[in-house]
Amino acid sequence: MLAPAPVGDASPVHDPVLIREGGTYHLFSTGIGGDGGQGLISARTSTDLATWRRSPAPFARMPEWAARAIPGARNLWAPDISYVNGRYRLYYSVSTFGSNRSAIGLATSPTLDPAKPGYGWRDEGMVVESRPADDFNAIDPNFFADGDGRHWLALGSFWTGLKLFELDPRTGKPLRPGAKPVAIASRPVPQGAPSIVEAPFLFEHGGWHWLIASYDYCCKGVNSTYYTVIGRSKSVTGPYLGRDGSSMLAGGGTILLRADLQEKERFRGPGHAGHMRDADGTDVIVFHAYDRQNKGAPTLRVAKLRWGADGWPTAEPR
């Protein structure tokens, strides 16, 4: 049973992802708050998905390769966490706001518990980069292992939309360096305008691959227009379609999270959702929304996915 609402150190939290090690939930998010003031990745823990506490940040300083590769970068954004081949993989973004001169890096550790032997994050370097001539932005990574044992990295923010790279299962880096990524989501826009979609997250349920993505604008406090959509496909490479058959390659999909339009609604702009399947099989998503009662601060939200008779989920924020 999920608790009514996160408490404790639940703000500021932006772009959260969640994983469980033993009896502890570990939450990672963009480097604002809870990271020792370094502007790097923030970390928190909970034993019940309700009360959150700060935990040691994975990075004490910007990785040297990142500082060289992306001039002007001061923060690490939008992490992703998974457990692969006996090590935790933490993918993260390096960029400057509004630019696609960006890169995704990788760090690994055998455990998430600082008290356990062997704890410590090993820098694995750059995974994917984008440059101004590219039609995508290498931020917002999400790792996914399909049922056939193939590994993938979804990514993207604006430009021409969300992309998918196949990974080498051994290294966690592109299987075919230089290969063109697969497009999995985009929104039609006027010539020269960006595709306003970001934050992909892939998971499997009921024989389908599911893609979560965020539409419209984050990062504007209570004026944020962010909302979250979901689509499904029999193939990891798509096409991902909404309940009504609309394609996420054409701005379609089914709305999963959106702030109530009533003025009394407290949390605005819910988005950048991350999925976790708990030990009991419950599908949980974490996301951020902007709190009208706390100066628009980005705040952690937790929801359970309830699967309907039609095979589609609804989110129940708690």
Protein backbone atom coordinates (compact mmCIF):
# COMPACT_ATOMS: atom_id res chain seq x y z
CA MET A 1 0.00 0.00 0.00
CA LEU A 2 1.38 3.39 -0.99
CA ALA A 3 1.37 6.20 1.54
CA PRO A 4 -0.92 9.23 0.99
CA ALA A 5 1.87 11.61 -0.07
CA PRO A 6 5.66 11.86 0.16
CA VAL A 7 6.94 13.68 3.24
CA GLY A 8 10.34 14.52 4.65
CA ASP A 9 12.93 15.53 2.07
CA ALA A 10 10.59 15.44 -0.93
CA SER A 11 11.49 18.83 -2.44
CA PRO A 12 13.18 20.12 -4.48
CA VAL A 13 13.02 17.01 -6.66
CA HIS A 14 13.16 17.15 -10.46
CA ASP A 15 13.30 14.25 -12.96
CA PRO A 16 13.14 11.41 -10.40
CA VAL A 17 13.86 7.71 -10.94
CA LEU A 18 13.36 4.90 -8.48
CA ILE A 19 14.84 1.47 -7.71
CA ARG A 20 14.72 -0.90 -4.75
CA GLU A 21 17.68 -2.65 -3.14
CA GLY A 22 16.61 -4.98 -0.36
CA GLY A 23 14.17 -3.14 1.87
CA THR A 24 15.22 0.34 0.79
CA TYR A 25 13.94 2.46 -2.08
CA HIS A 26 16.58 4.65 -3.72
CA LEU A 27 15.55 7.80 -5.55
CA PHE A 28 17.89 9.73 -7.86
CA SER A 29 17.09 13.07 -9.47
CA THR A 30 18.53 16.13 -11.21
CA GLY A 31 21.14 17.96 -9.16
CA ILE A 32 19.06 20.41 -7.14
CA GLY A 33 18.85 19.85 -3.41
CA GLY A 34 20.12 16.88 -1.46
CA ASP A 35 23.41 16.71 -3.35
CA GLY A 36 25.62 18.74 -1.04
CA GLY A 37 25.12 21.88 -3.10
CA GLN A 38 27.28 20.66 -5.96
CA GLY A 39 24.52 20.80 -8.60
CA LEU A 40 25.16 17.16 -9.43
CA ILE A 41 22.88 14.14 -9.01
CA SER A 42 20.71 14.13 -5.86
CA ALA A 43 19.97 10.95 -3.92
CA ARG A 44 17.32 10.04 -1.37
CA THR A 45 16.08 6.89 0.35
CA SER A 46 12.85 5.61 1.85
CA THR A 47 11.63 2.36 3.36
CA ASP A 48 7.94 2.97 2.62
CA LEU A 49 7.71 5.32 -0.41
CA ALA A 50 6.35 7.92 2.00
CA THR A 51 9.10 9.42 4.15
CA TRP A 52 12.25 10.43 2.27
CA ARG A 53 15.74 11.18 3.55
CA ARG A 54 18.84 12.52 1.86
CA SER A 55 21.60 10.07 1.12
CA PRO A 56 25.14 10.64 -0.15
CA ALA A 57 25.26 12.02 -3.66
CA PRO A 58 26.90 9.72 -6.25
CA PHE A 59 29.29 12.45 -7.43
CA ALA A 60 31.49 14.83 -5.47
CA ARG A 61 32.48 16.72 -8.62
CA MET A 62 31.74 16.91 -12.32
CA PRO A 63 33.39 13.99 -14.16
CA GLU A 64 36.50 15.21 -15.95
CA TRP A 65 35.38 13.94 -19.35
CA ALA A 66 32.04 15.76 -18.96
CA ALA A 67 33.64 19.10 -18.15
CA ARG A 68 35.82 18.79 -21.25
CA ALA A 69 33.08 17.54 -23.57
CA ILE A 70 30.37 20.07 -22.68
CA PRO A 71 31.87 23.52 -22.03
CA GLY A 72 29.81 25.53 -19.58
CA ALA A 73 28.00 22.56 -18.04
CA ARG A 74 27.62 22.97 -14.28
CA ASN A 75 24.96 20.39 -13.43
CA LEU A 76 24.16 16.73 -14.04
CA TRP A 77 20.56 16.15 -15.06
CA ALA A 78 17.87 13.54 -15.43
CA PRO A 79 19.50 10.32 -14.16
CA ASP A 80 18.36 6.76 -14.81
CA ILE A 81 19.05 3.79 -12.54
CA SER A 82 19.02 0.05 -13.29
CA TYR A 83 20.65 -3.18 -12.12
CA VAL A 84 22.53 -5.09 -14.82
CA ASN A 85 25.01 -7.94 -14.62
CA GLY A 86 25.70 -7.50 -10.92
CA ARG A 87 26.19 -3.73 -10.94
CA TYR A 88 23.92 -0.72 -10.71
CA ARG A 89 24.06 1.48 -13.79
CA LEU A 90 23.49 5.20 -13.32
CA TYR A 91 23.07 7.01 -16.63
CA TYR A 92 22.99 10.81 -16.46
CA SER A 93 22.83 13.89 -18.69
CA VAL A 94 25.36 16.67 -19.22
CA SER A 95 24.24 19.80 -21.08
CA THR A 96 23.41 23.48 -20.84
CA PHE A 97 19.82 24.69 -20.98
CA GLY A 98 18.39 24.96 -24.50
CA SER A 99 21.39 23.41 -26.25
CA ASN A 100 21.81 20.02 -27.90
CA ARG A 101 25.57 20.11 -27.37
CA SER A 102 24.94 17.37 -24.86
CA ALA A 103 26.14 14.00 -23.63
CA ILE A 104 25.01 11.04 -21.58
CA GLY A 105 27.45 9.44 -19.16
CA LEU A 106 27.50 6.25 -17.14
CA ALA A 107 28.67 5.35 -13.64
CA THR A 108 28.38 1.95 -11.96
CA SER A 109 28.46 0.55 -8.43
CA PRO A 110 27.96 -2.94 -6.96
CA THR A 111 25.57 -1.57 -4.32
CA LEU A 112 23.55 1.55 -3.55
CA ASP A 113 24.16 1.30 0.20
CA PRO A 114 27.14 3.44 1.31
CA ALA A 115 27.54 1.19 4.37
CA LYS A 116 28.09 -1.98 2.35
CA PRO A 117 31.53 -3.23 1.30
CA GLY A 118 32.46 -2.29 -2.23
CA TYR A 119 30.17 0.74 -2.44
CA GLY A 120 31.46 3.42 -4.78
CA TRP A 121 30.64 4.83 -8.19
CA ARG A 122 33.04 4.01 -11.01
CA ASP A 123 33.09 6.46 -13.91
CA GLU A 124 32.47 4.58 -17.17
CA GLY A 125 32.69 7.71 -19.31
CA MET A 126 30.58 8.96 -22.20
CA VAL A 127 27.84 6.81 -23.73
CA VAL A 128 26.19 9.01 -26.37
CA GLU A 129 26.68 12.62 -27.43
CA SER A 130 24.82 15.05 -29.66
CA ARG A 131 26.11 18.11 -31.48
CA PRO A 132 24.36 21.09 -33.06
CA ALA A 133 24.26 19.33 -36.44
CA ASP A 134 22.32 16.39 -34.96
CA ASP A 135 18.52 16.23 -34.97
CA PHE A 136 18.27 14.99 -31.36
CA ASN A 137 19.37 16.02 -27.89
CA ALA A 138 21.37 13.49 -25.85
CA ILE A 139 19.72 14.01 -22.47
CA ASP A 140 16.98 12.24 -20.47
CA PRO A 141 18.37 8.69 -20.76
CA ASN A 142 16.41 5.55 -19.93
CA PHE A 143 17.83 2.02 -19.99
CA PHE A 144 15.63 -0.89 -21.06
CA ALA A 145 16.32 -4.64 -21.39
CA ASP A 146 13.78 -6.46 -23.55
CA GLY A 147 12.58 -10.04 -23.23
CA ASP A 148 15.00 -11.19 -25.93
CA GLY A 149 18.02 -10.03 -23.94
CA ARG A 150 18.68 -6.98 -26.09
CA HIS A 151 19.58 -3.74 -24.31
CA TRP A 152 18.44 -0.27 -25.34
CA LEU A 153 18.83 3.37 -24.36
CA ALA A 154 15.95 5.75 -24.99
CA LEU A 155 16.70 9.46 -24.83
CA GLY A 156 15.71 12.85 -26.08
CA SER A 157 14.36 16.28 -25.38
CA PHE A 158 12.86 18.58 -28.03
CA TRP A 159 14.63 18.80 -31.45
CA THR A 160 12.96 16.05 -33.55
CA GLY A 161 11.85 14.00 -30.56
CA LEU A 162 12.72 10.79 -28.74
CA LYS A 163 15.25 8.27 -30.02
CA LEU A 164 16.35 4.73 -29.28
CA PHE A 165 19.88 3.29 -29.42
CA GLU A 166 20.72 -0.40 -29.10
CA LEU A 167 23.38 -1.08 -26.47
CA ASP A 168 26.14 -3.61 -26.02
CA PRO A 169 24.92 -5.62 -22.99
CA ARG A 170 28.48 -5.95 -21.74
CA THR A 171 29.45 -2.26 -21.74
CA GLY A 172 26.12 -0.42 -21.60
CA LYS A 173 27.28 1.70 -24.55
CA PRO A 174 26.07 1.73 -28.19
CA LEU A 175 26.31 -1.66 -29.87
CA ARG A 176 27.08 0.00 -33.20
CA PRO A 177 28.87 3.33 -32.61
CA GLY A 178 27.80 5.88 -35.18
CA ALA A 179 24.57 4.07 -36.05
CA LYS A 180 21.52 6.25 -36.61
CA PRO A 181 19.02 6.00 -33.75
CA VAL A 182 15.42 4.82 -34.14
CA ALA A 183 12.74 7.50 -33.75
CA ILE A 184 10.07 6.48 -31.21
CA ALA A 185 8.15 9.72 -30.47
CA SER A 186 7.76 13.15 -32.02
CA ARG A 187 5.22 15.96 -32.21
CA PRO A 188 4.42 17.78 -35.46
CA VAL A 189 5.43 21.43 -35.29
CA PRO A 190 5.83 24.38 -37.69
CA GLN A 191 8.94 24.38 -39.83
CA GLY A 192 11.99 25.17 -37.73
CA ALA A 193 10.23 24.77 -34.35
CA PRO A 194 11.22 22.08 -31.82
CA SER A 195 9.23 18.94 -31.14
CA ILE A 196 7.97 19.53 -27.60
CA VAL A 197 8.47 16.06 -26.15
CA GLU A 198 11.03 14.66 -23.72
CA ALA A 199 11.78 12.23 -20.87
CA PRO A 200 11.17 8.76 -22.35
CA PHE A 201 10.71 5.76 -20.09
CA LEU A 202 10.21 2.19 -21.33
CA PHE A 203 8.86 -0.86 -19.48
CA GLU A 204 7.01 -4.11 -20.21
CA HIS A 205 3.58 -5.21 -19.03
CA GLY A 206 1.07 -7.73 -20.32
CA GLY A 207 3.02 -8.66 -23.41
CA TRP A 208 3.40 -5.02 -24.53
CA HIS A 209 6.24 -2.51 -24.52
CA TRP A 210 5.07 0.75 -22.93
CA LEU A 211 6.53 4.20 -23.57
CA ILE A 212 5.95 7.10 -21.18
CA ALA A 213 6.85 10.62 -22.35
CA SER A 214 6.30 14.21 -21.25
CA TYR A 215 4.68 16.81 -23.50
CA ASP A 216 4.77 20.62 -23.38
CA TYR A 217 6.84 22.81 -21.05
CA CYS A 218 8.40 22.05 -17.68
CA CYS A 219 10.54 24.31 -15.50
CA LYS A 220 8.13 27.26 -15.26
CA GLY A 221 6.92 26.61 -11.72
CA VAL A 222 3.15 26.73 -11.35
CA ASN A 223 2.92 28.01 -14.93
CA SER A 224 4.40 24.77 -16.27
CA THR A 225 2.20 23.08 -18.89
CA TYR A 226 3.92 19.68 -18.60
CA TYR A 227 1.78 16.56 -18.85
CA THR A 228 2.53 12.87 -19.35
CA VAL A 229 1.34 10.47 -22.04
CA ILE A 230 1.70 6.74 -22.58
CA GLY A 231 1.57 4.42 -25.58
CA ARG A 232 2.23 0.77 -26.28
CA SER A 233 3.77 -1.40 -28.97
CA LYS A 234 4.49 -5.08 -29.56
CA SER A 235 7.99 -4.06 -30.70
CA VAL A 236 10.47 -2.09 -28.62
CA THR A 237 11.20 0.04 -31.68
CA GLY A 238 7.53 1.00 -32.06
CA PRO A 239 5.25 2.31 -33.31
CA TYR A 240 3.84 3.31 -29.93
CA LEU A 241 0.11 3.96 -30.06
CA GLY A 242 -2.39 5.41 -27.62
CA ARG A 243 -5.67 3.76 -26.62
CA ASP A 244 -7.35 5.53 -29.55
CA GLY A 245 -4.73 4.31 -32.04
CA SER A 246 -2.94 7.65 -32.26
CA SER A 247 0.80 7.38 -32.88
CA MET A 248 3.37 8.90 -30.56
CA LEU A 249 5.41 9.61 -33.70
CA ALA A 250 2.68 12.12 -34.55
CA GLY A 251 2.12 13.63 -31.10
CA GLY A 252 -0.44 11.03 -30.04
CA GLY A 253 -0.71 8.72 -27.06
CA THR A 254 -3.01 8.50 -24.04
CA ILE A 255 -2.81 11.02 -21.21
CA LEU A 256 -1.52 9.43 -18.01
CA LEU A 257 -0.79 12.47 -15.80
CA ARG A 258 -2.17 15.97 -16.08
CA ALA A 259 -2.88 18.61 -13.48
CA ASP A 260 -6.53 19.32 -12.90
CA LEU A 261 -7.42 22.60 -14.56
CA GLN A 262 -9.28 23.83 -11.49
CA GLU A 263 -7.52 26.74 -9.86
CA LYS A 264 -7.62 25.05 -6.47
CA GLU A 265 -5.36 22.22 -7.64
CA ARG A 266 -2.11 22.31 -5.68
CA PHE A 267 0.36 20.42 -7.90
CA ARG A 268 0.94 21.64 -11.45
CA GLY A 269 2.81 20.34 -14.48
CA PRO A 270 3.25 16.66 -13.54
CA GLY A 271 5.90 14.95 -15.64
CA HIS A 272 9.25 13.28 -16.23
CA ALA A 273 7.91 10.02 -14.86
CA GLY A 274 10.04 6.99 -13.97
CA HIS A 275 8.60 3.48 -13.57
CA MET A 276 9.53 0.74 -11.09
CA ARG A 277 7.99 -2.70 -10.61
CA ASP A 278 8.00 -3.43 -6.90
CA ALA A 279 8.73 -6.78 -5.29
CA ASP A 280 5.00 -7.58 -5.04
CA GLY A 281 4.42 -6.83 -8.72
CA THR A 282 2.93 -3.38 -8.17
CA ASP A 283 3.78 -0.87 -10.89
CA VAL A 284 4.89 2.41 -9.31
CA ILE A 285 5.75 5.67 -11.00
CA VAL A 286 7.55 8.66 -9.56
CA PHE A 287 7.43 12.11 -11.12
CA HIS A 288 7.73 15.76 -10.21
CA ALA A 289 5.08 18.46 -10.07
CA TYR A 290 5.19 22.12 -9.04
CA ASP A 291 3.69 22.95 -5.65
CA ARG A 292 1.45 26.02 -5.59
CA GLN A 293 1.69 26.08 -1.79
CA ASN A 294 5.50 26.16 -1.80
CA LYS A 295 6.41 28.88 -4.32
CA GLY A 296 6.16 26.46 -7.23
CA ALA A 297 8.93 24.17 -5.93
CA PRO A 298 9.42 20.94 -7.90
CA THR A 299 8.16 18.22 -5.59
CA LEU A 300 8.28 14.43 -5.60
CA ARG A 301 5.04 12.63 -6.35
CA VAL A 302 4.39 8.87 -6.21
CA ALA A 303 1.59 6.99 -7.94
CA LYS A 304 0.44 3.43 -8.45
CA LEU A 305 -0.56 2.23 -11.91
CA ARG A 306 -3.89 0.45 -11.85
CA TRP A 307 -4.49 -1.72 -14.92
CA GLY A 308 -8.03 -1.69 -16.32
CA ALA A 309 -9.96 -4.48 -17.99
CA ASP A 310 -9.01 -2.95 -21.35
CA GLY A 311 -5.32 -3.44 -20.55
CA TRP A 312 -4.57 0.28 -20.09
CA PRO A 313 -3.25 1.94 -16.92
CA THR A 314 -4.49 4.84 -14.89
CA ALA A 315 -2.30 6.60 -12.35
CA GLU A 316 -3.42 7.01 -8.77
CA PRO A 317 -1.29 9.74 -7.16
CA ARG A 318 -1.02 9.22 -3.41
